[in-house]
Each structure stands twice: as structure tokens, then as C-alpha cells.
Amino acid sequence: METHVRLEPWSAGDFWLLERKNEPAMTEFLGGPEPAGKLVDRQRRYEALSARDPAAGRMFRVVWTPAGDPFGDPAGAGDGAARSVGSVGFWEREWRGEPVYEAGWGILPEFQGHGLAVAALAELLAYVRAHGSRDSVHAFPGTDHPASNAVCRRAGFEYLGDVDFEYPPGVPHPSCDWRYRVGRPQGPDAAVTASG
């Protein structure tokens, strides 16, 4: 059975999720928590991105309803209610002289390990296929982050090699360059599901 999520456009009411994603457990591979002022700026950028033309990119809140899901309810509430479990998004950038999209995601710790990041990334890639204008989506998880690299692999991205990627800006971080070619089959896992 597959894990299903839905993506909701980022809004002013999602700042609490940004605060949760700024906790040490969520920022361990991203250089640590940001100061409060930077979070406010990030919230403004996310809202502005979601107000632009869809081809420019989007930030989404990831929503999961555990009822009927084979993993049950890891939060333990047992009520089958929809849960905001993290975020996923894409934005325009230039990479090695080519106009591409970059993707990023984060699933809250209490919901990790249940295929939700792969399901969210699959939904995001479907959105990019429908609305995007660029040929490739790249992701740059750190070489020291096996979970995010596994998400890329399971979502059908192609590993292009290790790179020094700046994150936060000005700080080179050893990263893996993963690419998803929009609109083309991506190999044996092309029919992306979060079941395996």
C-alpha cells in the first residue's frame, strides 16, 4: 500500500511549521538553527514564492491523513485526522550554466521513517511536470545525510556526483548532486510510490 500526502500552498498560518523545522534535530545537516529574524525573512520569501507564477516555484506544507495508511499514526493520536507533517518546495536557480529548479524538503521528526518525504517529493515532481518550465530538478543533500540521499534515490533522481554546495550561502558543504529530468522516465523506480 502506498503512502499518500497532499500539498497545500505555503501561507501566513504556516510560520509555526517553519519554527518547528528550525529546531536542532531538523537543522543538523543544514548548519544549525537560524536566528528568529532570518525565520521571519524566510516566511516572507516562502509566501512570496507561492504568490508568483507557478513556473517560478512554490513552497508547500505537506499534509498526511494516517487513516488507512499501512504505517498507522506515528503521532499516536489515533483519530485519523489530517496532520501537517513538514514542507517541500522548489525554486529557480542556475546550476553549471543551466536554468534548473532546486528542490528541498523536511519532514518533522515524529513523522520520519514512513515514506512521507518520498511521497511529498513525488507530488512535488508531478506539480513541476504540470506547471514548470525547466527541464531538470536538482537536490543537494549533504554527503553526510544518508536519509535525504535515500529520498532522492527512491524518488527517481539520478546521482551525478559529489559537489561543494554553499549552504548556508557562503559556506561550502560537501553535497551530492541529484537530478530529476522532468517529463522523462527515470529508470526502474519511475512509477514513484512511497511503499518501498
N, C-alpha and C. Protein backbone atom coordinates (compact mmCIF):
# COMPACT_ATOMS: atom_id res chain seq x y z
N MET A 1 0.85 -1.19 0.00
CA MET A 1 0.00 0.00 0.00
C MET A 1 0.89 1.25 0.00
N GLU A 2 0.50 2.25 -0.74
CA GLU A 2 1.28 3.47 -0.87
C GLU A 2 0.94 4.47 0.23
N THR A 3 1.91 5.32 0.52
CA THR A 3 1.69 6.44 1.42
C THR A 3 1.28 7.64 0.57
N HIS A 4 0.18 8.28 0.92
CA HIS A 4 -0.32 9.42 0.16
C HIS A 4 -0.29 10.67 1.01
N VAL A 5 0.12 11.76 0.39
CA VAL A 5 0.10 13.08 1.04
C VAL A 5 -0.54 14.06 0.08
N ARG A 6 -0.91 15.21 0.58
CA ARG A 6 -1.34 16.30 -0.30
C ARG A 6 -0.48 17.51 0.03
N LEU A 7 -0.32 18.37 -0.95
CA LEU A 7 0.49 19.58 -0.79
C LEU A 7 -0.44 20.78 -0.74
N GLU A 8 -0.26 21.61 0.29
CA GLU A 8 -1.03 22.84 0.45
C GLU A 8 -0.08 24.02 0.27
N PRO A 9 -0.44 25.04 -0.53
CA PRO A 9 0.45 26.19 -0.71
C PRO A 9 0.81 26.82 0.64
N TRP A 10 2.06 27.23 0.75
CA TRP A 10 2.56 27.86 1.99
C TRP A 10 1.77 29.14 2.23
N SER A 11 1.40 29.40 3.49
CA SER A 11 0.61 30.58 3.81
C SER A 11 1.11 31.23 5.10
N ALA A 12 0.53 32.36 5.44
CA ALA A 12 0.91 33.09 6.65
C ALA A 12 0.71 32.24 7.90
N GLY A 13 -0.25 31.34 7.88
CA GLY A 13 -0.52 30.49 9.04
C GLY A 13 0.47 29.36 9.23
N ASP A 14 1.47 29.26 8.37
CA ASP A 14 2.42 28.14 8.44
C ASP A 14 3.72 28.50 9.16
N PHE A 15 3.77 29.66 9.79
CA PHE A 15 5.01 30.06 10.46
C PHE A 15 5.38 29.07 11.57
N TRP A 16 4.38 28.51 12.26
CA TRP A 16 4.66 27.54 13.32
C TRP A 16 5.46 26.36 12.77
N LEU A 17 5.18 25.96 11.52
CA LEU A 17 5.89 24.84 10.91
C LEU A 17 7.34 25.23 10.61
N LEU A 18 7.53 26.46 10.19
CA LEU A 18 8.88 26.96 9.97
C LEU A 18 9.67 26.96 11.28
N GLU A 19 9.02 27.34 12.36
CA GLU A 19 9.68 27.29 13.67
C GLU A 19 10.05 25.85 14.05
N ARG A 20 9.16 24.92 13.81
CA ARG A 20 9.45 23.51 14.11
C ARG A 20 10.60 23.00 13.25
N LYS A 21 10.61 23.42 11.99
CA LYS A 21 11.68 22.98 11.09
C LYS A 21 13.02 23.63 11.44
N ASN A 22 13.01 24.62 12.32
CA ASN A 22 14.24 25.31 12.73
C ASN A 22 14.83 24.69 14.00
N GLU A 23 14.22 23.66 14.53
CA GLU A 23 14.74 23.00 15.73
C GLU A 23 16.04 22.27 15.40
N PRO A 24 16.92 22.08 16.40
CA PRO A 24 18.21 21.43 16.13
C PRO A 24 18.11 20.09 15.40
N ALA A 25 17.14 19.26 15.73
CA ALA A 25 17.02 17.96 15.07
C ALA A 25 16.73 18.11 13.58
N MET A 26 16.08 19.19 13.20
CA MET A 26 15.73 19.41 11.79
C MET A 26 16.82 20.15 11.02
N THR A 27 17.72 20.80 11.71
CA THR A 27 18.74 21.62 11.04
C THR A 27 20.15 21.06 11.19
N GLU A 28 20.26 19.86 11.74
CA GLU A 28 21.55 19.23 11.97
C GLU A 28 22.42 19.20 10.72
N PHE A 29 21.82 18.93 9.56
CA PHE A 29 22.56 18.82 8.31
C PHE A 29 22.50 20.10 7.48
N LEU A 30 21.97 21.18 8.08
CA LEU A 30 21.80 22.44 7.35
C LEU A 30 22.54 23.60 8.02
N GLY A 31 23.46 23.30 8.90
CA GLY A 31 24.23 24.36 9.53
C GLY A 31 23.65 24.86 10.84
N GLY A 32 22.62 24.22 11.36
CA GLY A 32 22.04 24.59 12.65
C GLY A 32 20.89 25.58 12.52
N PRO A 33 20.20 25.83 13.64
CA PRO A 33 19.04 26.73 13.63
C PRO A 33 19.40 28.15 13.19
N GLU A 34 18.43 28.80 12.56
CA GLU A 34 18.58 30.19 12.14
C GLU A 34 18.05 31.11 13.23
N PRO A 35 18.57 32.34 13.32
CA PRO A 35 18.01 33.31 14.26
C PRO A 35 16.57 33.67 13.89
N ALA A 36 15.81 34.16 14.85
CA ALA A 36 14.38 34.48 14.65
C ALA A 36 14.17 35.43 13.48
N GLY A 37 15.02 36.43 13.33
CA GLY A 37 14.87 37.39 12.24
C GLY A 37 14.98 36.74 10.87
N LYS A 38 15.88 35.76 10.75
CA LYS A 38 16.01 35.05 9.47
C LYS A 38 14.78 34.19 9.19
N LEU A 39 14.17 33.67 10.25
CA LEU A 39 12.95 32.88 10.05
C LEU A 39 11.83 33.76 9.51
N VAL A 40 11.71 34.97 10.03
CA VAL A 40 10.70 35.90 9.54
C VAL A 40 10.94 36.21 8.07
N ASP A 41 12.21 36.44 7.70
CA ASP A 41 12.55 36.68 6.29
C ASP A 41 12.22 35.46 5.43
N ARG A 42 12.51 34.27 5.94
CA ARG A 42 12.23 33.04 5.19
C ARG A 42 10.72 32.89 4.98
N GLN A 43 9.94 33.19 6.02
CA GLN A 43 8.48 33.12 5.90
C GLN A 43 8.00 34.06 4.79
N ARG A 44 8.52 35.27 4.75
CA ARG A 44 8.15 36.22 3.70
C ARG A 44 8.51 35.69 2.31
N ARG A 45 9.71 35.10 2.19
CA ARG A 45 10.14 34.53 0.90
C ARG A 45 9.24 33.38 0.48
N TYR A 46 8.89 32.52 1.41
CA TYR A 46 8.02 31.38 1.09
C TYR A 46 6.65 31.86 0.64
N GLU A 47 6.10 32.84 1.35
CA GLU A 47 4.79 33.37 0.95
C GLU A 47 4.88 34.05 -0.42
N ALA A 48 5.94 34.82 -0.66
CA ALA A 48 6.11 35.50 -1.94
C ALA A 48 6.28 34.49 -3.07
N LEU A 49 7.04 33.43 -2.83
CA LEU A 49 7.24 32.41 -3.85
C LEU A 49 5.91 31.78 -4.23
N SER A 50 5.07 31.52 -3.26
CA SER A 50 3.79 30.90 -3.54
C SER A 50 2.79 31.85 -4.18
N ALA A 51 3.10 33.14 -4.21
CA ALA A 51 2.22 34.12 -4.87
C ALA A 51 2.65 34.39 -6.32
N ARG A 52 3.82 33.89 -6.71
CA ARG A 52 4.33 34.12 -8.06
C ARG A 52 3.73 33.14 -9.06
N ASP A 53 4.09 33.31 -10.31
CA ASP A 53 3.69 32.39 -11.36
C ASP A 53 4.11 30.97 -10.95
N PRO A 54 3.25 29.95 -11.16
CA PRO A 54 3.59 28.59 -10.73
C PRO A 54 4.91 28.07 -11.28
N ALA A 55 5.32 28.51 -12.46
CA ALA A 55 6.57 28.03 -13.03
C ALA A 55 7.79 28.58 -12.30
N ALA A 56 7.63 29.61 -11.49
CA ALA A 56 8.74 30.21 -10.75
C ALA A 56 9.13 29.39 -9.53
N GLY A 57 8.23 28.52 -9.09
CA GLY A 57 8.49 27.71 -7.91
C GLY A 57 7.37 27.84 -6.90
N ARG A 58 7.42 27.01 -5.88
CA ARG A 58 6.39 27.01 -4.84
C ARG A 58 6.96 26.37 -3.58
N MET A 59 6.45 26.82 -2.45
CA MET A 59 6.65 26.11 -1.18
C MET A 59 5.30 25.56 -0.78
N PHE A 60 5.33 24.35 -0.22
CA PHE A 60 4.11 23.68 0.19
C PHE A 60 4.24 23.14 1.61
N ARG A 61 3.13 23.09 2.29
CA ARG A 61 3.00 22.36 3.55
C ARG A 61 2.56 20.95 3.17
N VAL A 62 3.19 19.95 3.74
CA VAL A 62 2.87 18.56 3.46
C VAL A 62 1.83 18.09 4.48
N VAL A 63 0.71 17.58 3.97
CA VAL A 63 -0.39 17.14 4.83
C VAL A 63 -0.62 15.65 4.61
N TRP A 64 -0.73 14.92 5.72
CA TRP A 64 -0.92 13.46 5.68
C TRP A 64 -2.09 13.09 6.56
N THR A 65 -2.95 12.24 6.05
CA THR A 65 -4.04 11.68 6.84
C THR A 65 -3.74 10.20 7.05
N PRO A 66 -3.40 9.80 8.28
CA PRO A 66 -2.94 8.43 8.51
C PRO A 66 -4.01 7.35 8.38
N ALA A 67 -5.29 7.68 8.42
CA ALA A 67 -6.33 6.66 8.34
C ALA A 67 -6.17 5.83 7.07
N GLY A 68 -6.12 4.53 7.23
CA GLY A 68 -5.98 3.64 6.08
C GLY A 68 -4.56 3.50 5.59
N ASP A 69 -3.63 4.24 6.18
CA ASP A 69 -2.24 4.15 5.78
C ASP A 69 -1.60 2.96 6.49
N PRO A 70 -0.77 2.17 5.81
CA PRO A 70 -0.21 0.98 6.44
C PRO A 70 0.69 1.28 7.63
N PHE A 71 1.15 2.52 7.77
CA PHE A 71 2.03 2.86 8.87
C PHE A 71 1.27 3.34 10.09
N GLY A 72 -0.05 3.40 10.00
CA GLY A 72 -0.83 3.83 11.16
C GLY A 72 -0.63 5.30 11.46
N ASP A 73 -0.55 5.63 12.70
CA ASP A 73 -0.48 7.01 13.15
C ASP A 73 0.70 7.19 14.09
N PRO A 74 1.91 7.55 13.57
CA PRO A 74 3.08 7.65 14.43
C PRO A 74 2.97 8.71 15.50
N ALA A 75 2.08 9.70 15.32
CA ALA A 75 1.92 10.71 16.36
C ALA A 75 1.12 10.17 17.53
N GLY A 76 0.44 9.03 17.32
CA GLY A 76 -0.25 8.38 18.42
C GLY A 76 -1.61 8.93 18.77
N ALA A 77 -2.14 9.86 17.99
CA ALA A 77 -3.44 10.45 18.34
C ALA A 77 -4.57 9.47 18.06
N GLY A 78 -4.43 8.61 17.06
CA GLY A 78 -5.42 7.59 16.77
C GLY A 78 -6.73 8.10 16.21
N ASP A 79 -6.80 9.36 15.81
CA ASP A 79 -8.08 9.91 15.36
C ASP A 79 -8.20 9.99 13.83
N GLY A 80 -7.14 9.65 13.09
CA GLY A 80 -7.21 9.68 11.63
C GLY A 80 -7.31 11.08 11.04
N ALA A 81 -7.09 12.11 11.84
CA ALA A 81 -7.18 13.49 11.36
C ALA A 81 -5.96 13.84 10.52
N ALA A 82 -6.14 14.77 9.58
CA ALA A 82 -5.03 15.25 8.75
C ALA A 82 -3.99 15.92 9.63
N ARG A 83 -2.74 15.68 9.28
CA ARG A 83 -1.62 16.24 10.02
C ARG A 83 -0.70 17.01 9.08
N SER A 84 -0.25 18.18 9.51
CA SER A 84 0.81 18.89 8.80
C SER A 84 2.11 18.27 9.27
N VAL A 85 2.84 17.63 8.36
CA VAL A 85 4.00 16.83 8.75
C VAL A 85 5.33 17.40 8.28
N GLY A 86 5.31 18.48 7.49
CA GLY A 86 6.56 19.05 7.00
C GLY A 86 6.32 19.96 5.82
N SER A 87 7.38 20.17 5.05
CA SER A 87 7.29 21.05 3.88
C SER A 87 8.11 20.48 2.74
N VAL A 88 7.77 20.94 1.55
CA VAL A 88 8.52 20.60 0.35
C VAL A 88 8.36 21.77 -0.61
N GLY A 89 9.38 22.03 -1.41
CA GLY A 89 9.28 23.14 -2.35
C GLY A 89 10.32 23.07 -3.44
N PHE A 90 10.15 23.97 -4.41
CA PHE A 90 11.12 24.09 -5.49
C PHE A 90 11.22 25.55 -5.88
N TRP A 91 12.35 25.93 -6.44
CA TRP A 91 12.59 27.32 -6.83
C TRP A 91 13.60 27.33 -7.97
N GLU A 92 13.62 28.45 -8.68
CA GLU A 92 14.52 28.61 -9.82
C GLU A 92 15.94 28.88 -9.36
N ARG A 93 16.90 28.36 -10.14
CA ARG A 93 18.30 28.68 -9.92
C ARG A 93 19.07 28.35 -11.19
N GLU A 94 20.28 28.85 -11.26
CA GLU A 94 21.21 28.48 -12.32
C GLU A 94 22.18 27.47 -11.71
N TRP A 95 22.44 26.39 -12.41
CA TRP A 95 23.40 25.41 -11.93
C TRP A 95 24.27 24.99 -13.10
N ARG A 96 25.55 25.33 -12.99
CA ARG A 96 26.53 25.00 -14.01
C ARG A 96 26.11 25.51 -15.39
N GLY A 97 25.60 26.74 -15.39
CA GLY A 97 25.22 27.42 -16.62
C GLY A 97 23.87 27.02 -17.18
N GLU A 98 23.13 26.23 -16.46
CA GLU A 98 21.84 25.75 -16.95
C GLU A 98 20.72 26.24 -16.03
N PRO A 99 19.60 26.73 -16.59
CA PRO A 99 18.46 27.08 -15.74
C PRO A 99 17.76 25.80 -15.27
N VAL A 100 17.72 25.60 -13.96
CA VAL A 100 17.13 24.40 -13.37
C VAL A 100 16.24 24.82 -12.20
N TYR A 101 15.59 23.84 -11.61
CA TYR A 101 14.93 24.03 -10.33
C TYR A 101 15.75 23.32 -9.26
N GLU A 102 15.69 23.85 -8.06
CA GLU A 102 16.24 23.17 -6.90
C GLU A 102 15.06 22.79 -6.00
N ALA A 103 15.12 21.62 -5.42
CA ALA A 103 14.07 21.15 -4.52
C ALA A 103 14.64 20.98 -3.12
N GLY A 104 13.77 21.19 -2.13
CA GLY A 104 14.14 20.95 -0.75
C GLY A 104 12.91 20.49 0.03
N TRP A 105 13.14 19.78 1.11
CA TRP A 105 12.04 19.24 1.91
C TRP A 105 12.49 19.02 3.33
N GLY A 106 11.53 18.84 4.21
CA GLY A 106 11.80 18.49 5.59
C GLY A 106 10.54 17.92 6.21
N ILE A 107 10.64 16.74 6.79
CA ILE A 107 9.53 16.10 7.48
C ILE A 107 9.85 16.12 8.97
N LEU A 108 8.88 16.52 9.79
CA LEU A 108 9.09 16.63 11.23
C LEU A 108 9.51 15.29 11.82
N PRO A 109 10.37 15.32 12.85
CA PRO A 109 10.95 14.07 13.39
C PRO A 109 9.93 13.00 13.75
N GLU A 110 8.81 13.39 14.34
CA GLU A 110 7.85 12.37 14.77
C GLU A 110 7.13 11.67 13.61
N PHE A 111 7.34 12.17 12.39
CA PHE A 111 6.71 11.57 11.22
C PHE A 111 7.73 10.95 10.25
N GLN A 112 9.00 11.01 10.60
CA GLN A 112 10.03 10.48 9.71
C GLN A 112 10.03 8.95 9.71
N GLY A 113 10.53 8.39 8.62
CA GLY A 113 10.67 6.95 8.53
C GLY A 113 9.44 6.22 8.03
N HIS A 114 8.49 6.95 7.44
CA HIS A 114 7.25 6.34 6.97
C HIS A 114 6.97 6.61 5.50
N GLY A 115 8.00 7.05 4.75
CA GLY A 115 7.82 7.28 3.33
C GLY A 115 7.18 8.61 2.98
N LEU A 116 7.01 9.50 3.96
CA LEU A 116 6.32 10.76 3.69
C LEU A 116 7.15 11.72 2.85
N ALA A 117 8.46 11.73 3.04
CA ALA A 117 9.31 12.61 2.22
C ALA A 117 9.28 12.17 0.76
N VAL A 118 9.34 10.88 0.51
CA VAL A 118 9.29 10.38 -0.87
C VAL A 118 7.93 10.70 -1.48
N ALA A 119 6.86 10.49 -0.71
CA ALA A 119 5.51 10.79 -1.21
C ALA A 119 5.36 12.28 -1.52
N ALA A 120 5.89 13.14 -0.64
CA ALA A 120 5.82 14.58 -0.86
C ALA A 120 6.62 14.99 -2.09
N LEU A 121 7.81 14.42 -2.25
CA LEU A 121 8.64 14.74 -3.41
C LEU A 121 7.98 14.25 -4.70
N ALA A 122 7.32 13.10 -4.66
CA ALA A 122 6.59 12.61 -5.84
C ALA A 122 5.48 13.58 -6.23
N GLU A 123 4.74 14.09 -5.24
CA GLU A 123 3.69 15.07 -5.52
C GLU A 123 4.29 16.36 -6.08
N LEU A 124 5.42 16.78 -5.52
CA LEU A 124 6.09 17.99 -5.99
C LEU A 124 6.52 17.82 -7.45
N LEU A 125 7.10 16.68 -7.79
CA LEU A 125 7.55 16.44 -9.16
C LEU A 125 6.37 16.43 -10.12
N ALA A 126 5.24 15.91 -9.70
CA ALA A 126 4.03 15.95 -10.54
C ALA A 126 3.61 17.40 -10.77
N TYR A 127 3.72 18.24 -9.73
CA TYR A 127 3.39 19.66 -9.86
C TYR A 127 4.35 20.33 -10.85
N VAL A 128 5.63 20.03 -10.73
CA VAL A 128 6.62 20.62 -11.64
C VAL A 128 6.34 20.19 -13.08
N ARG A 129 6.00 18.92 -13.29
CA ARG A 129 5.68 18.46 -14.65
C ARG A 129 4.50 19.23 -15.22
N ALA A 130 3.51 19.53 -14.37
CA ALA A 130 2.31 20.23 -14.84
C ALA A 130 2.52 21.73 -15.02
N HIS A 131 3.37 22.34 -14.20
CA HIS A 131 3.47 23.81 -14.18
C HIS A 131 4.85 24.36 -14.50
N GLY A 132 5.87 23.54 -14.45
CA GLY A 132 7.24 24.03 -14.59
C GLY A 132 7.62 24.35 -16.02
N SER A 133 8.73 25.07 -16.15
CA SER A 133 9.23 25.46 -17.46
C SER A 133 10.69 25.05 -17.66
N ARG A 134 11.27 24.38 -16.67
CA ARG A 134 12.68 23.97 -16.75
C ARG A 134 12.77 22.46 -16.85
N ASP A 135 13.84 21.99 -17.46
CA ASP A 135 13.98 20.56 -17.76
C ASP A 135 14.37 19.70 -16.56
N SER A 136 15.06 20.29 -15.59
CA SER A 136 15.62 19.48 -14.51
C SER A 136 15.30 20.06 -13.14
N VAL A 137 15.14 19.15 -12.19
CA VAL A 137 15.03 19.49 -10.77
C VAL A 137 16.25 18.87 -10.09
N HIS A 138 17.00 19.67 -9.35
CA HIS A 138 18.17 19.18 -8.62
C HIS A 138 17.90 19.24 -7.13
N ALA A 139 18.56 18.36 -6.41
CA ALA A 139 18.57 18.38 -4.95
C ALA A 139 20.01 18.20 -4.52
N PHE A 140 20.38 18.82 -3.40
CA PHE A 140 21.78 18.83 -2.97
C PHE A 140 21.92 18.43 -1.49
N PRO A 141 21.46 17.25 -1.10
CA PRO A 141 21.65 16.86 0.30
C PRO A 141 23.13 16.64 0.59
N GLY A 142 23.50 16.88 1.84
CA GLY A 142 24.88 16.68 2.25
C GLY A 142 25.31 15.24 2.09
N THR A 143 26.60 15.04 1.82
CA THR A 143 27.12 13.68 1.72
C THR A 143 26.98 12.96 3.05
N ASP A 144 26.82 13.72 4.13
CA ASP A 144 26.69 13.15 5.48
C ASP A 144 25.24 12.92 5.88
N HIS A 145 24.31 12.99 4.93
CA HIS A 145 22.88 12.87 5.24
C HIS A 145 22.28 11.69 4.46
N PRO A 146 22.46 10.47 4.96
CA PRO A 146 22.01 9.29 4.20
C PRO A 146 20.50 9.26 3.98
N ALA A 147 19.70 9.76 4.90
CA ALA A 147 18.24 9.71 4.73
C ALA A 147 17.79 10.55 3.54
N SER A 148 18.29 11.77 3.41
CA SER A 148 17.88 12.62 2.28
C SER A 148 18.41 12.08 0.96
N ASN A 149 19.58 11.49 0.98
CA ASN A 149 20.09 10.87 -0.25
C ASN A 149 19.23 9.67 -0.64
N ALA A 150 18.75 8.92 0.33
CA ALA A 150 17.85 7.79 0.04
C ALA A 150 16.52 8.29 -0.52
N VAL A 151 16.03 9.42 -0.03
CA VAL A 151 14.79 10.01 -0.57
C VAL A 151 14.98 10.32 -2.05
N CYS A 152 16.10 10.94 -2.39
CA CYS A 152 16.36 11.26 -3.80
C CYS A 152 16.37 9.99 -4.66
N ARG A 153 17.07 8.98 -4.20
CA ARG A 153 17.16 7.74 -4.95
C ARG A 153 15.77 7.11 -5.13
N ARG A 154 14.99 7.04 -4.06
CA ARG A 154 13.66 6.42 -4.12
C ARG A 154 12.68 7.23 -4.97
N ALA A 155 12.91 8.53 -5.07
CA ALA A 155 12.02 9.39 -5.86
C ALA A 155 12.40 9.40 -7.33
N GLY A 156 13.45 8.68 -7.71
CA GLY A 156 13.81 8.58 -9.12
C GLY A 156 14.84 9.57 -9.61
N PHE A 157 15.50 10.28 -8.69
CA PHE A 157 16.57 11.19 -9.09
C PHE A 157 17.80 10.38 -9.49
N GLU A 158 18.61 10.98 -10.36
CA GLU A 158 19.86 10.38 -10.81
C GLU A 158 21.01 11.04 -10.06
N TYR A 159 21.89 10.23 -9.48
CA TYR A 159 23.05 10.74 -8.77
C TYR A 159 24.11 11.16 -9.78
N LEU A 160 24.52 12.45 -9.72
CA LEU A 160 25.50 12.97 -10.67
C LEU A 160 26.90 13.08 -10.09
N GLY A 161 27.04 12.97 -8.78
CA GLY A 161 28.35 13.06 -8.15
C GLY A 161 28.35 13.99 -6.97
N ASP A 162 29.50 14.05 -6.30
CA ASP A 162 29.67 14.92 -5.14
C ASP A 162 30.10 16.31 -5.61
N VAL A 163 29.60 17.33 -4.91
CA VAL A 163 29.93 18.72 -5.22
C VAL A 163 30.08 19.48 -3.91
N ASP A 164 30.77 20.62 -3.97
CA ASP A 164 30.76 21.56 -2.86
C ASP A 164 29.63 22.53 -3.13
N PHE A 165 28.59 22.47 -2.32
CA PHE A 165 27.41 23.30 -2.49
C PHE A 165 27.34 24.25 -1.31
N GLU A 166 27.05 25.52 -1.58
CA GLU A 166 27.02 26.51 -0.50
C GLU A 166 25.68 26.50 0.21
N TYR A 167 25.71 26.10 1.48
CA TYR A 167 24.53 26.24 2.33
C TYR A 167 24.97 26.12 3.78
N PRO A 168 24.65 27.15 4.55
CA PRO A 168 24.06 28.41 4.13
C PRO A 168 24.98 29.16 3.16
N PRO A 169 24.43 30.19 2.47
CA PRO A 169 25.24 30.91 1.49
C PRO A 169 26.59 31.34 2.07
N GLY A 170 27.64 31.09 1.29
CA GLY A 170 28.99 31.44 1.70
C GLY A 170 29.71 30.33 2.44
N VAL A 171 29.00 29.24 2.75
CA VAL A 171 29.61 28.12 3.48
C VAL A 171 29.57 26.87 2.59
N PRO A 172 30.71 26.49 1.99
CA PRO A 172 30.72 25.29 1.16
C PRO A 172 30.47 24.05 2.01
N HIS A 173 29.61 23.18 1.52
CA HIS A 173 29.27 21.96 2.24
C HIS A 173 29.35 20.79 1.26
N PRO A 174 30.09 19.73 1.59
CA PRO A 174 30.15 18.58 0.69
C PRO A 174 28.74 18.00 0.51
N SER A 175 28.29 17.96 -0.73
CA SER A 175 26.92 17.56 -1.03
C SER A 175 26.89 16.61 -2.21
N CYS A 176 25.76 15.94 -2.36
CA CYS A 176 25.51 15.09 -3.51
C CYS A 176 24.61 15.86 -4.47
N ASP A 177 24.93 15.81 -5.75
CA ASP A 177 24.12 16.44 -6.78
C ASP A 177 23.21 15.38 -7.38
N TRP A 178 21.91 15.51 -7.13
CA TRP A 178 20.90 14.61 -7.67
C TRP A 178 20.06 15.38 -8.68
N ARG A 179 19.73 14.73 -9.81
CA ARG A 179 18.95 15.39 -10.85
C ARG A 179 17.76 14.52 -11.25
N TYR A 180 16.62 15.18 -11.41
CA TYR A 180 15.42 14.53 -11.94
C TYR A 180 15.07 15.24 -13.23
N ARG A 181 15.03 14.51 -14.33
CA ARG A 181 14.65 15.07 -15.63
C ARG A 181 13.13 15.09 -15.71
N VAL A 182 12.56 16.25 -15.78
CA VAL A 182 11.11 16.42 -15.78
C VAL A 182 10.53 15.86 -17.08
N GLY A 183 9.48 15.06 -16.95
CA GLY A 183 8.77 14.56 -18.12
C GLY A 183 9.37 13.37 -18.80
N ARG A 184 10.45 12.81 -18.24
CA ARG A 184 11.07 11.63 -18.84
C ARG A 184 11.08 10.50 -17.82
N PRO A 185 10.95 9.26 -18.26
CA PRO A 185 11.05 8.14 -17.32
C PRO A 185 12.39 8.18 -16.60
N GLN A 186 12.39 7.78 -15.34
CA GLN A 186 13.60 7.87 -14.51
C GLN A 186 14.17 6.52 -14.12
N GLY A 187 13.98 5.49 -14.90
CA GLY A 187 14.56 4.20 -14.59
C GLY A 187 13.57 3.27 -13.91
N PRO A 188 14.07 2.24 -13.20
CA PRO A 188 13.19 1.20 -12.67
C PRO A 188 12.19 1.71 -11.64
N ASP A 189 12.48 2.78 -10.96
CA ASP A 189 11.55 3.31 -9.97
C ASP A 189 10.74 4.47 -10.52
N ALA A 190 10.56 4.51 -11.85
CA ALA A 190 9.88 5.65 -12.47
C ALA A 190 8.47 5.83 -11.96
N ALA A 191 7.78 4.77 -11.67
CA ALA A 191 6.44 4.88 -11.08
C ALA A 191 6.65 5.06 -9.59
N VAL A 192 6.87 6.30 -9.18
CA VAL A 192 7.25 6.60 -7.81
C VAL A 192 6.12 6.28 -6.86
N THR A 193 6.41 5.45 -5.88
CA THR A 193 5.49 5.22 -4.77
C THR A 193 6.31 5.31 -3.51
N ALA A 194 5.65 5.46 -2.42
CA ALA A 194 6.35 5.52 -1.14
C ALA A 194 6.23 4.18 -0.42
N SER A 195 5.90 3.14 -1.13
CA SER A 195 5.68 1.85 -0.49
C SER A 195 6.97 1.08 -0.23
N GLY A 196 8.03 1.41 -0.92
CA GLY A 196 9.22 0.58 -0.74
C GLY A 196 10.38 1.36 -0.59
